[in-house]
Structure formats: C-alpha cells, structure tokens
PDB file of N, CA and C in Angstrom:
ATOM      1  N   MET A   1     -10.028  -0.048   3.064  1.00  0.00           N
ATOM      2  CA  MET A   1      -9.726  -0.125   4.565  1.00  0.00           C
ATOM      3  C   MET A   1      -9.781  -1.262   5.530  1.00  0.00           C
ATOM      4  N   ASP A   2     -11.056  -1.561   5.609  1.00  0.00           N
ATOM      5  CA  ASP A   2     -11.548  -2.498   6.422  1.00  0.00           C
ATOM      6  C   ASP A   2     -11.006  -3.876   6.276  1.00  0.00           C
ATOM      7  N   ALA A   3     -10.782  -4.104   5.245  1.00  0.00           N
ATOM      8  CA  ALA A   3      -9.902  -5.492   4.684  1.00  0.00           C
ATOM      9  C   ALA A   3      -8.640  -5.427   4.929  1.00  0.00           C
ATOM     10  N   ALA A   4      -7.713  -4.488   4.827  1.00  0.00           N
ATOM     11  CA  ALA A   4      -6.530  -3.854   5.300  1.00  0.00           C
ATOM     12  C   ALA A   4      -6.264  -4.169   6.702  1.00  0.00           C
ATOM     13  N   LEU A   5      -7.225  -3.781   7.601  1.00  0.00           N
ATOM     14  CA  LEU A   5      -7.632  -3.541   9.051  1.00  0.00           C
ATOM     15  C   LEU A   5      -7.591  -5.054   9.456  1.00  0.00           C
ATOM     16  N   ALA A   6      -8.310  -6.102   8.536  1.00  0.00           N
ATOM     17  CA  ALA A   6      -8.607  -6.936   9.068  1.00  0.00           C
ATOM     18  C   ALA A   6      -7.388  -7.842   8.861  1.00  0.00           C
ATOM     19  N   ARG A   7      -6.873  -7.913   7.791  1.00  0.00           N
ATOM     20  CA  ARG A   7      -5.429  -8.716   7.580  1.00  0.00           C
ATOM     21  C   ARG A   7      -4.470  -8.315   8.450  1.00  0.00           C
ATOM     22  N   ALA A   8      -4.704  -6.932   8.867  1.00  0.00           N
ATOM     23  CA  ALA A   8      -3.319  -6.492   9.794  1.00  0.00           C
ATOM     24  C   ALA A   8      -3.491  -7.144  11.023  1.00  0.00           C
ATOM     25  N   ARG A   9      -4.775  -7.037  11.722  1.00  0.00           N
ATOM     26  CA  ARG A   9      -5.108  -7.817  12.838  1.00  0.00           C
ATOM     27  C   ARG A   9      -4.718  -9.016  12.767  1.00  0.00           C
ATOM     28  N   GLN A  10      -4.834  -9.769  11.712  1.00  0.00           N
ATOM     29  CA  GLN A  10      -4.324 -11.425  11.751  1.00  0.00           C
ATOM     30  C   GLN A  10      -2.783 -11.624  11.621  1.00  0.00           C
ATOM     31  N   SER A  11      -2.268 -10.559  11.031  1.00  0.00           N
ATOM     32  CA  SER A  11      -0.822 -10.776  10.659  1.00  0.00           C
ATOM     33  C   SER A  11       0.150 -10.313  11.659  1.00  0.00           C
ATOM     34  N   GLY A  12      -0.772  -9.045  12.716  1.00  0.00           N
ATOM     35  CA  GLY A  12       0.078  -8.463  13.380  1.00  0.00           C
ATOM     36  C   GLY A  12       1.183  -7.125  12.850  1.00  0.00           C
ATOM     37  N   LYS A  13       0.377  -6.995  11.723  1.00  0.00           N
ATOM     38  CA  LYS A  13       1.268  -5.683  10.945  1.00  0.00           C
ATOM     39  C   LYS A  13       0.486  -4.564  11.418  1.00  0.00           C
ATOM     40  N   ARG A  14       0.897  -3.548  10.578  1.00  0.00           N
ATOM     41  CA  ARG A  14       0.375  -2.531  10.575  1.00  0.00           C
ATOM     42  C   ARG A  14      -0.265  -1.605   9.372  1.00  0.00           C
ATOM     43  N   VAL A  15      -0.968  -0.936   9.079  1.00  0.00           N
ATOM     44  CA  VAL A  15      -1.427  -0.612   7.777  1.00  0.00           C
ATOM     45  C   VAL A  15      -0.750   0.638   7.209  1.00  0.00           C
ATOM     46  N   LEU A  16       0.051   0.827   6.279  1.00  0.00           N
ATOM     47  CA  LEU A  16       0.531   1.940   5.644  1.00  0.00           C
ATOM     48  C   LEU A  16      -0.553   2.265   4.549  1.00  0.00           C
ATOM     49  N   LEU A  17      -1.295   3.786   4.875  1.00  0.00           N
ATOM     50  CA  LEU A  17      -2.145   4.332   4.493  1.00  0.00           C
ATOM     51  C   LEU A  17      -1.684   5.404   3.537  1.00  0.00           C
ATOM     52  N   VAL A  18      -1.532   5.456   1.953  1.00  0.00           N
ATOM     53  CA  VAL A  18      -0.684   6.287   1.330  1.00  0.00           C
ATOM     54  C   VAL A  18      -2.014   6.957   0.346  1.00  0.00           C
ATOM     55  N   MET A  19      -2.246   8.444   1.015  1.00  0.00           N
ATOM     56  CA  MET A  19      -3.230   9.246   0.239  1.00  0.00           C
ATOM     57  C   MET A  19      -2.784  10.060  -0.377  1.00  0.00           C
ATOM     58  N   GLY A  20      -2.818   9.912  -1.899  1.00  0.00           N
ATOM     59  CA  GLY A  20      -2.149  10.811  -3.029  1.00  0.00           C
ATOM     60  C   GLY A  20      -2.967  10.562  -3.992  1.00  0.00           C
ATOM     61  N   ALA A  21      -2.454  10.971  -5.350  1.00  0.00           N
ATOM     62  CA  ALA A  21      -3.080  11.071  -6.454  1.00  0.00           C
ATOM     63  C   ALA A  21      -1.814  10.868  -7.740  1.00  0.00           C
ATOM     64  N   ASN A  22      -2.211  10.511  -8.758  1.00  0.00           N
ATOM     65  CA  ASN A  22      -1.251  10.142  -9.788  1.00  0.00           C
ATOM     66  C   ASN A  22      -0.920  11.410 -10.560  1.00  0.00           C
ATOM     67  N   TRP A  23      -1.664  12.475 -10.473  1.00  0.00           N
ATOM     68  CA  TRP A  23      -1.224  13.768 -11.101  1.00  0.00           C
ATOM     69  C   TRP A  23      -0.108  14.296  -9.852  1.00  0.00           C
ATOM     70  N   CYS A  24       0.023  14.162  -8.737  1.00  0.00           N
ATOM     71  CA  CYS A  24       0.883  14.742  -7.811  1.00  0.00           C
ATOM     72  C   CYS A  24       2.344  14.261  -8.099  1.00  0.00           C
ATOM     73  N   SER A  25       3.515  14.721  -8.490  1.00  0.00           N
ATOM     74  CA  SER A  25       4.806  14.452  -8.341  1.00  0.00           C
ATOM     75  C   SER A  25       5.220  13.638  -7.258  1.00  0.00           C
ATOM     76  N   ASP A  26       4.882  14.253  -6.054  1.00  0.00           N
ATOM     77  CA  ASP A  26       5.269  13.357  -4.703  1.00  0.00           C
ATOM     78  C   ASP A  26       4.826  12.454  -4.615  1.00  0.00           C
ATOM     79  N   SER A  27       3.657  12.180  -4.862  1.00  0.00           N
ATOM     80  CA  SER A  27       2.559  10.890  -4.607  1.00  0.00           C
ATOM     81  C   SER A  27       3.299  10.041  -5.891  1.00  0.00           C
ATOM     82  N   ARG A  28       3.594  10.261  -6.809  1.00  0.00           N
ATOM     83  CA  ARG A  28       4.101   9.501  -7.730  1.00  0.00           C
ATOM     84  C   ARG A  28       5.772   8.830  -7.375  1.00  0.00           C
ATOM     85  N   ALA A  29       6.363   9.705  -6.283  1.00  0.00           N
ATOM     86  CA  ALA A  29       7.939   9.823  -6.134  1.00  0.00           C
ATOM     87  C   ALA A  29       7.792   8.644  -5.105  1.00  0.00           C
ATOM     88  N   LEU A  30       6.756   8.999  -4.039  1.00  0.00           N
ATOM     89  CA  LEU A  30       6.773   7.954  -2.801  1.00  0.00           C
ATOM     90  C   LEU A  30       6.381   6.758  -3.613  1.00  0.00           C
ATOM     91  N   ALA A  31       5.415   6.462  -4.260  1.00  0.00           N
ATOM     92  CA  ALA A  31       4.757   5.246  -4.724  1.00  0.00           C
ATOM     93  C   ALA A  31       6.044   4.585  -5.601  1.00  0.00           C
ATOM     94  N   GLY A  32       6.743   5.358  -6.204  1.00  0.00           N
ATOM     95  CA  GLY A  32       7.888   4.644  -7.104  1.00  0.00           C
ATOM     96  C   GLY A  32       9.014   4.289  -5.943  1.00  0.00           C
ATOM     97  N   TRP A  33       9.146   4.840  -5.011  1.00  0.00           N
ATOM     98  CA  TRP A  33      10.052   4.468  -3.890  1.00  0.00           C
ATOM     99  C   TRP A  33       9.773   3.311  -3.046  1.00  0.00           C
ATOM    100  N   LEU A  34       8.426   3.202  -2.823  1.00  0.00           N
ATOM    101  CA  LEU A  34       7.562   1.927  -2.448  1.00  0.00           C
ATOM    102  C   LEU A  34       7.631   0.813  -3.096  1.00  0.00           C
ATOM    103  N   ALA A  35       7.778   0.853  -4.290  1.00  0.00           N
ATOM    104  CA  ALA A  35       7.569  -0.142  -5.468  1.00  0.00           C
ATOM    105  C   ALA A  35       9.248  -0.929  -5.372  1.00  0.00           C
ATOM    106  N   THR A  36      10.628  -0.325  -4.782  1.00  0.00           N
ATOM    107  CA  THR A  36      11.686  -0.979  -5.038  1.00  0.00           C
ATOM    108  C   THR A  36      11.803  -2.153  -4.171  1.00  0.00           C
ATOM    109  N   ASP A  37      12.766  -2.825  -4.589  1.00  0.00           N
ATOM    110  CA  ASP A  37      13.110  -4.037  -3.716  1.00  0.00           C
ATOM    111  C   ASP A  37      13.001  -3.959  -2.166  1.00  0.00           C
ATOM    112  N   ARG A  38      13.952  -3.037  -1.991  1.00  0.00           N
ATOM    113  CA  ARG A  38      14.141  -2.409  -0.823  1.00  0.00           C
ATOM    114  C   ARG A  38      13.135  -2.242   0.094  1.00  0.00           C
ATOM    115  N   PHE A  39      12.356  -1.479  -0.375  1.00  0.00           N
ATOM    116  CA  PHE A  39      11.211  -0.840   0.222  1.00  0.00           C
ATOM    117  C   PHE A  39       9.873  -2.094   0.425  1.00  0.00           C
ATOM    118  N   ALA A  40       9.753  -2.738  -0.696  1.00  0.00           N
ATOM    119  CA  ALA A  40       8.915  -4.063  -1.101  1.00  0.00           C
ATOM    120  C   ALA A  40       8.981  -4.700  -0.011  1.00  0.00           C
ATOM    121  N   GLU A  41      10.307  -5.314   0.382  1.00  0.00           N
ATOM    122  CA  GLU A  41      10.473  -6.234   1.312  1.00  0.00           C
ATOM    123  C   GLU A  41      10.364  -5.795   2.558  1.00  0.00           C
ATOM    124  N   HIS A  42      10.535  -4.289   3.390  1.00  0.00           N
ATOM    125  CA  HIS A  42      10.176  -4.169   4.295  1.00  0.00           C
ATOM    126  C   HIS A  42       8.523  -3.869   4.493  1.00  0.00           C
ATOM    127  N   ILE A  43       8.060  -3.425   3.585  1.00  0.00           N
ATOM    128  CA  ILE A  43       6.527  -3.138   3.655  1.00  0.00           C
ATOM    129  C   ILE A  43       5.705  -4.802   3.812  1.00  0.00           C
ATOM    130  N   GLU A  44       6.608  -5.689   2.961  1.00  0.00           N
ATOM    131  CA  GLU A  44       5.893  -7.132   3.019  1.00  0.00           C
ATOM    132  C   GLU A  44       5.951  -7.794   4.436  1.00  0.00           C
ATOM    133  N   ARG A  45       7.159  -7.310   5.291  1.00  0.00           N
ATOM    134  CA  ARG A  45       7.329  -7.895   6.412  1.00  0.00           C
ATOM    135  C   ARG A  45       6.471  -6.911   7.590  1.00  0.00           C
ATOM    136  N   LYS A  46       6.346  -5.715   7.541  1.00  0.00           N
ATOM    137  CA  LYS A  46       5.670  -4.838   8.486  1.00  0.00           C
ATOM    138  C   LYS A  46       4.545  -4.429   8.384  1.00  0.00           C
ATOM    139  N   TYR A  47       3.963  -4.309   6.957  1.00  0.00           N
ATOM    140  CA  TYR A  47       2.651  -3.473   6.564  1.00  0.00           C
ATOM    141  C   TYR A  47       1.887  -4.041   5.671  1.00  0.00           C
ATOM    142  N   GLU A  48       0.567  -3.597   5.914  1.00  0.00           N
ATOM    143  CA  GLU A  48      -0.303  -3.992   4.845  1.00  0.00           C
ATOM    144  C   GLU A  48      -0.854  -2.466   4.097  1.00  0.00           C
ATOM    145  N   LEU A  49      -0.345  -2.356   2.909  1.00  0.00           N
ATOM    146  CA  LEU A  49      -0.117  -1.433   2.132  1.00  0.00           C
ATOM    147  C   LEU A  49      -1.592  -1.270   1.194  1.00  0.00           C
ATOM    148  N   VAL A  50      -2.009   0.316   1.811  1.00  0.00           N
ATOM    149  CA  VAL A  50      -3.126   0.614   0.719  1.00  0.00           C
ATOM    150  C   VAL A  50      -2.675   1.632  -0.042  1.00  0.00           C
ATOM    151  N   PHE A  51      -3.366   2.024  -1.158  1.00  0.00           N
ATOM    152  CA  PHE A  51      -3.053   3.414  -1.714  1.00  0.00           C
ATOM    153  C   PHE A  51      -4.738   4.199  -2.288  1.00  0.00           C
ATOM    154  N   VAL A  52      -4.788   5.142  -1.755  1.00  0.00           N
ATOM    155  CA  VAL A  52      -6.270   5.823  -2.025  1.00  0.00           C
ATOM    156  C   VAL A  52      -5.906   6.979  -2.803  1.00  0.00           C
ATOM    157  N   ASN A  53      -6.640   7.265  -3.792  1.00  0.00           N
ATOM    158  CA  ASN A  53      -6.603   8.286  -4.511  1.00  0.00           C
ATOM    159  C   ASN A  53      -7.591   9.719  -3.974  1.00  0.00           C
ATOM    160  N   ILE A  54      -7.072  10.660  -3.552  1.00  0.00           N
ATOM    161  CA  ILE A  54      -7.886  11.627  -3.177  1.00  0.00           C
ATOM    162  C   ILE A  54      -8.106  13.117  -3.921  1.00  0.00           C
ATOM    163  N   GLY A  55      -8.063  12.621  -5.101  1.00  0.00           N
ATOM    164  CA  GLY A  55      -7.976  13.696  -6.094  1.00  0.00           C
ATOM    165  C   GLY A  55      -7.233  15.075  -6.056  1.00  0.00           C
ATOM    166  N   MET A  56      -7.990  16.011  -6.082  1.00  0.00           N
ATOM    167  CA  MET A  56      -7.377  17.551  -5.805  1.00  0.00           C
ATOM    168  C   MET A  56      -8.438  18.127  -5.083  1.00  0.00           C
ATOM    169  N   PRO A  57      -8.035  17.779  -3.672  1.00  0.00           N
ATOM    170  CA  PRO A  57      -8.942  18.390  -2.592  1.00  0.00           C
ATOM    171  C   PRO A  57      -8.922  19.932  -2.398  1.00  0.00           C
ATOM    172  N   LYS A  58      -8.013  20.272  -2.755  1.00  0.00           N
ATOM    173  CA  LYS A  58      -7.936  21.971  -2.646  1.00  0.00           C
ATOM    174  C   LYS A  58      -9.082  22.543  -3.567  1.00  0.00           C
ATOM    175  N   SER A  59      -9.120  22.112  -4.772  1.00  0.00           N
ATOM    176  CA  SER A  59     -10.038  22.554  -5.886  1.00  0.00           C
ATOM    177  C   SER A  59     -11.464  22.094  -5.852  1.00  0.00           C
ATOM    178  N   GLY A  60     -11.572  21.689  -4.672  1.00  0.00           N
ATOM    179  CA  GLY A  60     -13.016  21.052  -4.583  1.00  0.00           C
ATOM    180  C   GLY A  60     -13.539  19.552  -5.212  1.00  0.00           C
ATOM    181  N   ASP A  61     -12.354  18.914  -5.874  1.00  0.00           N
ATOM    182  CA  ASP A  61     -12.689  17.616  -6.489  1.00  0.00           C
ATOM    183  C   ASP A  61     -11.673  16.520  -5.528  1.00  0.00           C
ATOM    184  N   GLY A  62     -12.195  16.517  -4.330  1.00  0.00           N
ATOM    185  CA  GLY A  62     -11.265  15.603  -3.311  1.00  0.00           C
ATOM    186  C   GLY A  62     -12.142  14.329  -3.365  1.00  0.00           C
ATOM    187  N   HIS A  63     -11.548  13.057  -3.371  1.00  0.00           N
ATOM    188  CA  HIS A  63     -12.331  11.836  -3.276  1.00  0.00           C
ATOM    189  C   HIS A  63     -11.838  11.446  -1.759  1.00  0.00           C
ATOM    190  N   ASN A  64     -12.698  10.380  -1.066  1.00  0.00           N
ATOM    191  CA  ASN A  64     -12.407   9.554  -0.151  1.00  0.00           C
ATOM    192  C   ASN A  64     -11.675  10.492   1.156  1.00  0.00           C
ATOM    193  N   LEU A  65     -11.959  11.622   0.739  1.00  0.00           N
ATOM    194  CA  LEU A  65     -11.401  12.436   2.236  1.00  0.00           C
ATOM    195  C   LEU A  65     -12.016  11.877   3.601  1.00  0.00           C
ATOM    196  N   GLY A  66     -13.005  11.357   3.788  1.00  0.00           N
ATOM    197  CA  GLY A  66     -13.888  10.507   4.536  1.00  0.00           C
ATOM    198  C   GLY A  66     -12.549   9.696   5.556  1.00  0.00           C
ATOM    199  N   ILE A  67     -11.882   9.180   4.814  1.00  0.00           N
ATOM    200  CA  ILE A  67     -11.080   8.160   4.956  1.00  0.00           C
ATOM    201  C   ILE A  67     -10.233   8.751   6.136  1.00  0.00           C
ATOM    202  N   ALA A  68      -9.824   9.679   5.773  1.00  0.00           N
ATOM    203  CA  ALA A  68      -8.247  11.067   6.729  1.00  0.00           C
ATOM    204  C   ALA A  68      -9.467  11.014   8.108  1.00  0.00           C
ATOM    205  N   ARG A  69     -10.535  11.384   8.070  1.00  0.00           N
ATOM    206  CA  ARG A  69     -11.124  11.927   8.760  1.00  0.00           C
ATOM    207  C   ARG A  69     -11.723  10.869   9.829  1.00  0.00           C
ATOM    208  N   ARG A  70     -11.968   9.737   9.249  1.00  0.00           N
ATOM    209  CA  ARG A  70     -12.240   8.470  10.148  1.00  0.00           C
ATOM    210  C   ARG A  70     -10.959   8.133  11.231  1.00  0.00           C
ATOM    211  N   PHE A  71      -9.649   8.511  10.822  1.00  0.00           N
ATOM    212  CA  PHE A  71      -8.697   7.992  11.660  1.00  0.00           C
ATOM    213  C   PHE A  71      -7.904   9.708  12.294  1.00  0.00           C
ATOM    214  N   GLY A  72      -8.872  10.449  12.472  1.00  0.00           N
ATOM    215  CA  GLY A  72      -8.663  11.576  13.223  1.00  0.00           C
ATOM    216  C   GLY A  72      -7.679  13.016  12.608  1.00  0.00           C
ATOM    217  N   LEU A  73      -7.803  13.036  11.106  1.00  0.00           N
ATOM    218  CA  LEU A  73      -7.430  14.122  10.373  1.00  0.00           C
ATOM    219  C   LEU A  73      -8.225  14.753   9.702  1.00  0.00           C
ATOM    220  N   PRO A  74      -8.877  15.750  10.233  1.00  0.00           N
ATOM    221  CA  PRO A  74      -9.817  16.804   9.621  1.00  0.00           C
ATOM    222  C   PRO A  74      -9.710  17.523   8.265  1.00  0.00           C
ATOM    223  N   GLU A  75      -8.342  17.366   7.835  1.00  0.00           N
ATOM    224  CA  GLU A  75      -8.106  18.104   6.720  1.00  0.00           C
ATOM    225  C   GLU A  75      -6.878  17.597   6.035  1.00  0.00           C
ATOM    226  N   LEU A  76      -6.428  17.504   4.650  1.00  0.00           N
ATOM    227  CA  LEU A  76      -5.057  16.966   4.205  1.00  0.00           C
ATOM    228  C   LEU A  76      -4.878  18.440   3.288  1.00  0.00           C
ATOM    229  N   PRO A  77      -3.481  18.924   3.951  1.00  0.00           N
ATOM    230  CA  PRO A  77      -3.265  20.064   3.422  1.00  0.00           C
ATOM    231  C   PRO A  77      -2.615  20.059   2.123  1.00  0.00           C
ATOM    232  N   GLY A  78      -2.288  18.831   1.870  1.00  0.00           N
ATOM    233  CA  GLY A  78      -1.107  18.548   0.509  1.00  0.00           C
ATOM    234  C   GLY A  78      -1.321  17.092   0.098  1.00  0.00           C
ATOM    235  N   LEU A  79      -0.442  16.656  -0.461  1.00  0.00           N
ATOM    236  CA  LEU A  79      -0.548  15.400  -1.070  1.00  0.00           C
ATOM    237  C   LEU A  79       0.985  15.203  -1.451  1.00  0.00           C
ATOM    238  N   PRO A  80       1.277  13.742  -0.941  1.00  0.00           N
ATOM    239  CA  PRO A  80       0.775  12.748  -0.394  1.00  0.00           C
ATOM    240  C   PRO A  80       0.524  12.701   1.178  1.00  0.00           C
ATOM    241  N   ASN A  81       0.122  11.942   1.515  1.00  0.00           N
ATOM    242  CA  ASN A  81      -0.142  11.867   3.132  1.00  0.00           C
ATOM    243  C   ASN A  81      -0.189  10.207   3.274  1.00  0.00           C
ATOM    244  N   VAL A  82       0.430  10.249   4.580  1.00  0.00           N
ATOM    245  CA  VAL A  82       0.861   8.759   4.866  1.00  0.00           C
ATOM    246  C   VAL A  82       0.699   8.577   6.311  1.00  0.00           C
ATOM    247  N   LEU A  83      -0.502   8.035   6.201  1.00  0.00           N
ATOM    248  CA  LEU A  83      -1.029   7.463   7.349  1.00  0.00           C
ATOM    249  C   LEU A  83      -0.660   6.026   7.998  1.00  0.00           C
ATOM    250  N   VAL A  84      -0.129   5.753   9.225  1.00  0.00           N
ATOM    251  CA  VAL A  84       0.372   4.381   9.940  1.00  0.00           C
ATOM    252  C   VAL A  84      -0.933   4.053  10.747  1.00  0.00           C
ATOM    253  N   LEU A  85      -0.950   2.992  10.889  1.00  0.00           N
ATOM    254  CA  LEU A  85      -2.320   2.601  11.515  1.00  0.00           C
ATOM    255  C   LEU A  85      -1.801   1.137  12.274  1.00  0.00           C
ATOM    256  N   THR A  86      -2.318   1.546  13.506  1.00  0.00           N
ATOM    257  CA  THR A  86      -2.123   0.054  14.332  1.00  0.00           C
ATOM    258  C   THR A  86      -3.475  -1.071  13.515  1.00  0.00           C
ATOM    259  N   SER A  87      -3.375  -2.074  14.074  1.00  0.00           N
ATOM    260  CA  SER A  87      -4.229  -3.449  13.121  1.00  0.00           C
ATOM    261  C   SER A  87      -5.816  -2.778  14.066  1.00  0.00           C
ATOM    262  N   GLU A  88      -5.795  -2.140  15.100  1.00  0.00           N
ATOM    263  CA  GLU A  88      -7.252  -1.540  15.586  1.00  0.00           C
ATOM    264  C   GLU A  88      -7.485  -0.223  15.062  1.00  0.00           C
ATOM    265  N   GLY A  89      -6.873   0.510  13.862  1.00  0.00           N
ATOM    266  CA  GLY A  89      -6.963   1.519  13.521  1.00  0.00           C
ATOM    267  C   GLY A  89      -6.851   2.829  14.359  1.00  0.00           C
ATOM    268  N   VAL A  90      -5.534   2.507  15.130  1.00  0.00           N
ATOM    269  CA  VAL A  90      -5.484   3.837  15.715  1.00  0.00           C
ATOM    270  C   VAL A  90      -3.888   4.534  14.801  1.00  0.00           C
ATOM    271  N   LEU A  91      -4.074   5.824  14.788  1.00  0.00           N
ATOM    272  CA  LEU A  91      -3.273   6.677  13.744  1.00  0.00           C
ATOM    273  C   LEU A  91      -2.136   6.725  14.797  1.00  0.00           C
ATOM    274  N   VAL A  92      -0.720   6.309  13.958  1.00  0.00           N
ATOM    275  CA  VAL A  92       0.514   6.195  14.983  1.00  0.00           C
ATOM    276  C   VAL A  92       1.148   7.626  14.770  1.00  0.00           C
ATOM    277  N   ASN A  93       1.056   8.101  13.535  1.00  0.00           N
ATOM    278  CA  ASN A  93       1.792   9.416  13.229  1.00  0.00           C
ATOM    279  C   ASN A  93       0.613  10.519  13.117  1.00  0.00           C
ATOM    280  N   PRO A  94       0.024  10.795  13.866  1.00  0.00           N
ATOM    281  CA  PRO A  94      -0.514  12.254  13.656  1.00  0.00           C
ATOM    282  C   PRO A  94       0.033  13.408  13.346  1.00  0.00           C
ATOM    283  N   THR A  95       1.244  13.487  14.044  1.00  0.00           N
ATOM    284  CA  THR A  95       1.819  14.987  13.718  1.00  0.00           C
ATOM    285  C   THR A  95       2.504  14.881  12.601  1.00  0.00           C
ATOM    286  N   THR A  96       2.773  13.401  11.842  1.00  0.00           N
ATOM    287  CA  THR A  96       3.534  13.520  10.519  1.00  0.00           C
ATOM    288  C   THR A  96       2.819  13.166   9.412  1.00  0.00           C
ATOM    289  N   ALA A  97       1.700  12.518   9.602  1.00  0.00           N
ATOM    290  CA  ALA A  97       0.665  12.226   8.423  1.00  0.00           C
ATOM    291  C   ALA A  97       0.989  13.242   7.420  1.00  0.00           C
ATOM    292  N   THR A  98       0.732  14.254   7.489  1.00  0.00           N
ATOM    293  CA  THR A  98       0.529  15.334   6.318  1.00  0.00           C
ATOM    294  C   THR A  98       1.571  16.080   6.077  1.00  0.00           C
ATOM    295  N   THR A  99       2.810  15.425   6.618  1.00  0.00           N
ATOM    296  CA  THR A  99       3.932  16.150   6.219  1.00  0.00           C
ATOM    297  C   THR A  99       4.617  15.663   5.074  1.00  0.00           C
ATOM    298  N   TRP A 100       4.308  14.962   4.132  1.00  0.00           N
ATOM    299  CA  TRP A 100       4.877  14.152   2.883  1.00  0.00           C
ATOM    300  C   TRP A 100       4.686  14.878   1.571  1.00  0.00           C
ATOM    301  N   ARG A 101       4.548  16.207   1.706  1.00  0.00           N
ATOM    302  CA  ARG A 101       4.348  16.810   0.857  1.00  0.00           C
ATOM    303  C   ARG A 101       5.822  17.363  -0.341  1.00  0.00           C
ATOM    304  N   ASN A 102       6.607  17.075   0.742  1.00  0.00           N
ATOM    305  CA  ASN A 102       8.092  16.955  -0.098  1.00  0.00           C
ATOM    306  C   ASN A 102       8.688  15.742  -0.279  1.00  0.00           C
ATOM    307  N   ALA A 103       7.710  14.567  -0.597  1.00  0.00           N
ATOM    308  CA  ALA A 103       8.455  13.305  -0.503  1.00  0.00           C
ATOM    309  C   ALA A 103       9.162  13.045  -2.130  1.00  0.00           C
ATOM    310  N   GLU A 104       9.100  13.754  -3.151  1.00  0.00           N
ATOM    311  CA  GLU A 104       9.989  13.745  -4.266  1.00  0.00           C
ATOM    312  C   GLU A 104      11.705  13.933  -4.110  1.00  0.00           C
ATOM    313  N   SER A 105      11.783  15.161  -2.711  1.00  0.00           N
ATOM    314  CA  SER A 105      13.229  15.368  -2.481  1.00  0.00           C
ATOM    315  C   SER A 105      13.337  15.044  -1.342  1.00  0.00           C
ATOM    316  N   ARG A 106      12.985  14.057  -0.725  1.00  0.00           N
ATOM    317  CA  ARG A 106      13.165  13.080   0.546  1.00  0.00           C
ATOM    318  C   ARG A 106      14.282  12.059  -0.313  1.00  0.00           C
ATOM    319  N   THR A 107      15.359  11.614   0.422  1.00  0.00           N
ATOM    320  CA  THR A 107      16.051  10.423   0.207  1.00  0.00           C
ATOM    321  C   THR A 107      15.311   9.389   0.389  1.00  0.00           C
ATOM    322  N   ASP A 108      16.087   8.160  -0.323  1.00  0.00           N
ATOM    323  CA  ASP A 108      15.561   6.987   0.031  1.00  0.00           C
ATOM    324  C   ASP A 108      15.769   6.400   1.470  1.00  0.00           C
ATOM    325  N   ASP A 109      16.688   6.947   1.761  1.00  0.00           N
ATOM    326  CA  ASP A 109      17.204   6.161   3.275  1.00  0.00           C
ATOM    327  C   ASP A 109      16.093   7.065   4.420  1.00  0.00           C
ATOM    328  N   ALA A 110      16.163   8.102   4.279  1.00  0.00           N
ATOM    329  CA  ALA A 110      14.998   9.228   4.785  1.00  0.00           C
ATOM    330  C   ALA A 110      13.714   8.481   4.926  1.00  0.00           C
ATOM    331  N   ILE A 111      13.113   8.181   3.798  1.00  0.00           N
ATOM    332  CA  ILE A 111      11.759   7.463   3.984  1.00  0.00           C
ATOM    333  C   ILE A 111      11.948   6.170   4.467  1.00  0.00           C
ATOM    334  N   TYR A 112      12.778   5.414   3.881  1.00  0.00           N
ATOM    335  CA  TYR A 112      12.819   4.054   4.573  1.00  0.00           C
ATOM    336  C   TYR A 112      12.994   4.268   6.128  1.00  0.00           C
ATOM    337  N   GLU A 113      13.969   5.010   6.725  1.00  0.00           N
ATOM    338  CA  GLU A 113      14.090   5.363   8.296  1.00  0.00           C
ATOM    339  C   GLU A 113      12.577   5.738   8.922  1.00  0.00           C
ATOM    340  N   GLU A 114      11.984   6.382   8.319  1.00  0.00           N
ATOM    341  CA  GLU A 114      10.761   6.951   9.048  1.00  0.00           C
ATOM    342  C   GLU A 114       9.823   5.870   8.808  1.00  0.00           C
ATOM    343  N   LEU A 115       9.803   5.133   7.946  1.00  0.00           N
ATOM    344  CA  LEU A 115       8.770   3.778   7.824  1.00  0.00           C
ATOM    345  C   LEU A 115       9.066   2.836   8.658  1.00  0.00           C
ATOM    346  N   ALA A 116      10.412   2.486   8.938  1.00  0.00           N
ATOM    347  CA  ALA A 116      10.999   1.522   9.607  1.00  0.00           C
ATOM    348  C   ALA A 116      10.608   1.973  11.324  1.00  0.00           C
ATOM    349  N   THR A 117      10.727   3.465  11.489  1.00  0.00           N
ATOM    350  CA  THR A 117      10.496   3.911  12.944  1.00  0.00           C
ATOM    351  C   THR A 117       8.846   3.548  13.038  1.00  0.00           C
ATOM    352  N   LEU A 118       7.949   4.055  12.342  1.00  0.00           N
ATOM    353  CA  LEU A 118       6.951   3.785  12.264  1.00  0.00           C
ATOM    354  C   LEU A 118       6.261   2.451  12.730  1.00  0.00           C
ATOM    355  N   ALA A 119       6.992   1.392  11.742  1.00  0.00           N
ATOM    356  CA  ALA A 119       6.494   0.090  11.819  1.00  0.00           C
ATOM    357  C   ALA A 119       6.590  -0.557  13.325  1.00  0.00           C
ATOM    358  N   ASP A 120       7.443  -0.005  14.203  1.00  0.00           N
ATOM    359  CA  ASP A 120       7.775  -0.533  15.372  1.00  0.00           C
ATOM    360  C   ASP A 120       6.987   0.803  16.670  1.00  0.00           C
ATOM    361  N   LEU A 121       6.650   1.714  16.716  1.00  0.00           N
ATOM    362  CA  LEU A 121       6.537   2.682  17.335  1.00  0.00           C
ATOM    363  C   LEU A 121       5.534   2.051  18.506  1.00  0.00           C
ATOM    364  N   ARG A 122       5.817   2.067  19.516  1.00  0.00           N
ATOM    365  CA  ARG A 122       4.742   2.108  20.859  1.00  0.00           C
ATOM    366  C   ARG A 122       3.418   3.185  20.696  1.00  0.00           C
ATOM    367  N   THR A 123       2.395   2.591  20.656  1.00  0.00           N
ATOM    368  CA  THR A 123       1.247   3.689  20.868  1.00  0.00           C
ATOM    369  C   THR A 123       0.775   3.786  22.265  1.00  0.00           C
TER     370      THR A 123
END
C-alpha cells in the first residue's frame, strides 16, 4: 500500500484498492473486467491498482483487514470491496467502498462509469 501511495504521489494518480478473494465469484468477475483492454487503459491513466486478499472475514479467516481500517472502514461486510484513495491516502468513496458484493451482476459500463467518476471526484 505504501509503495502504491508513493507512486500515486509521483504520478498524480489515485490508488484503486480492490480487497477480495480468489474464491469469491464477485471478486473474480471484477478482476476479470479490470483486466480487459478497456479497463486496463483507463486504470493505467488514472490509477495505481492494488489487489489485496482478505480471505474469509466472516468465518474468522480474514487477512489484511487492518488495511481497510487504516482508511476508515472498520469492517468489510462482504467481498469484494473497492477503495479509491487519493495520493495522500484519503478514501474518496467511503459510502460505496463496501457495496461491490454484486460486481458479478454489474455491467461493464456501470463499473467503468463508477471508476471514471471516482478517478476525478473532488475530495
């Protein structure tokens, strides 16, 4: 995280922090969208992308949950979670960061639009 924030400070980009797990279909779907050419180009221009495995927090097998707390989210009710941070580490989307549990059923246009808005949202 600190390396991504340092890169963001130098580049003027934001950090796109995706907290999920490889067993989660919504996390996998979101990662798949982000890997497409359309998203990859946008992410390259606007974000420093970081994926963080959080395991299975509800079953007591959570990992890296302190990262979410570091940016003001005391708990993660589901997976995945998408945190957009300024280069100073300010969470841009505190009300929507934990609302990505339906990522698999979102359209690529809806995801793209939200990430485009968050990339330029004033804090």
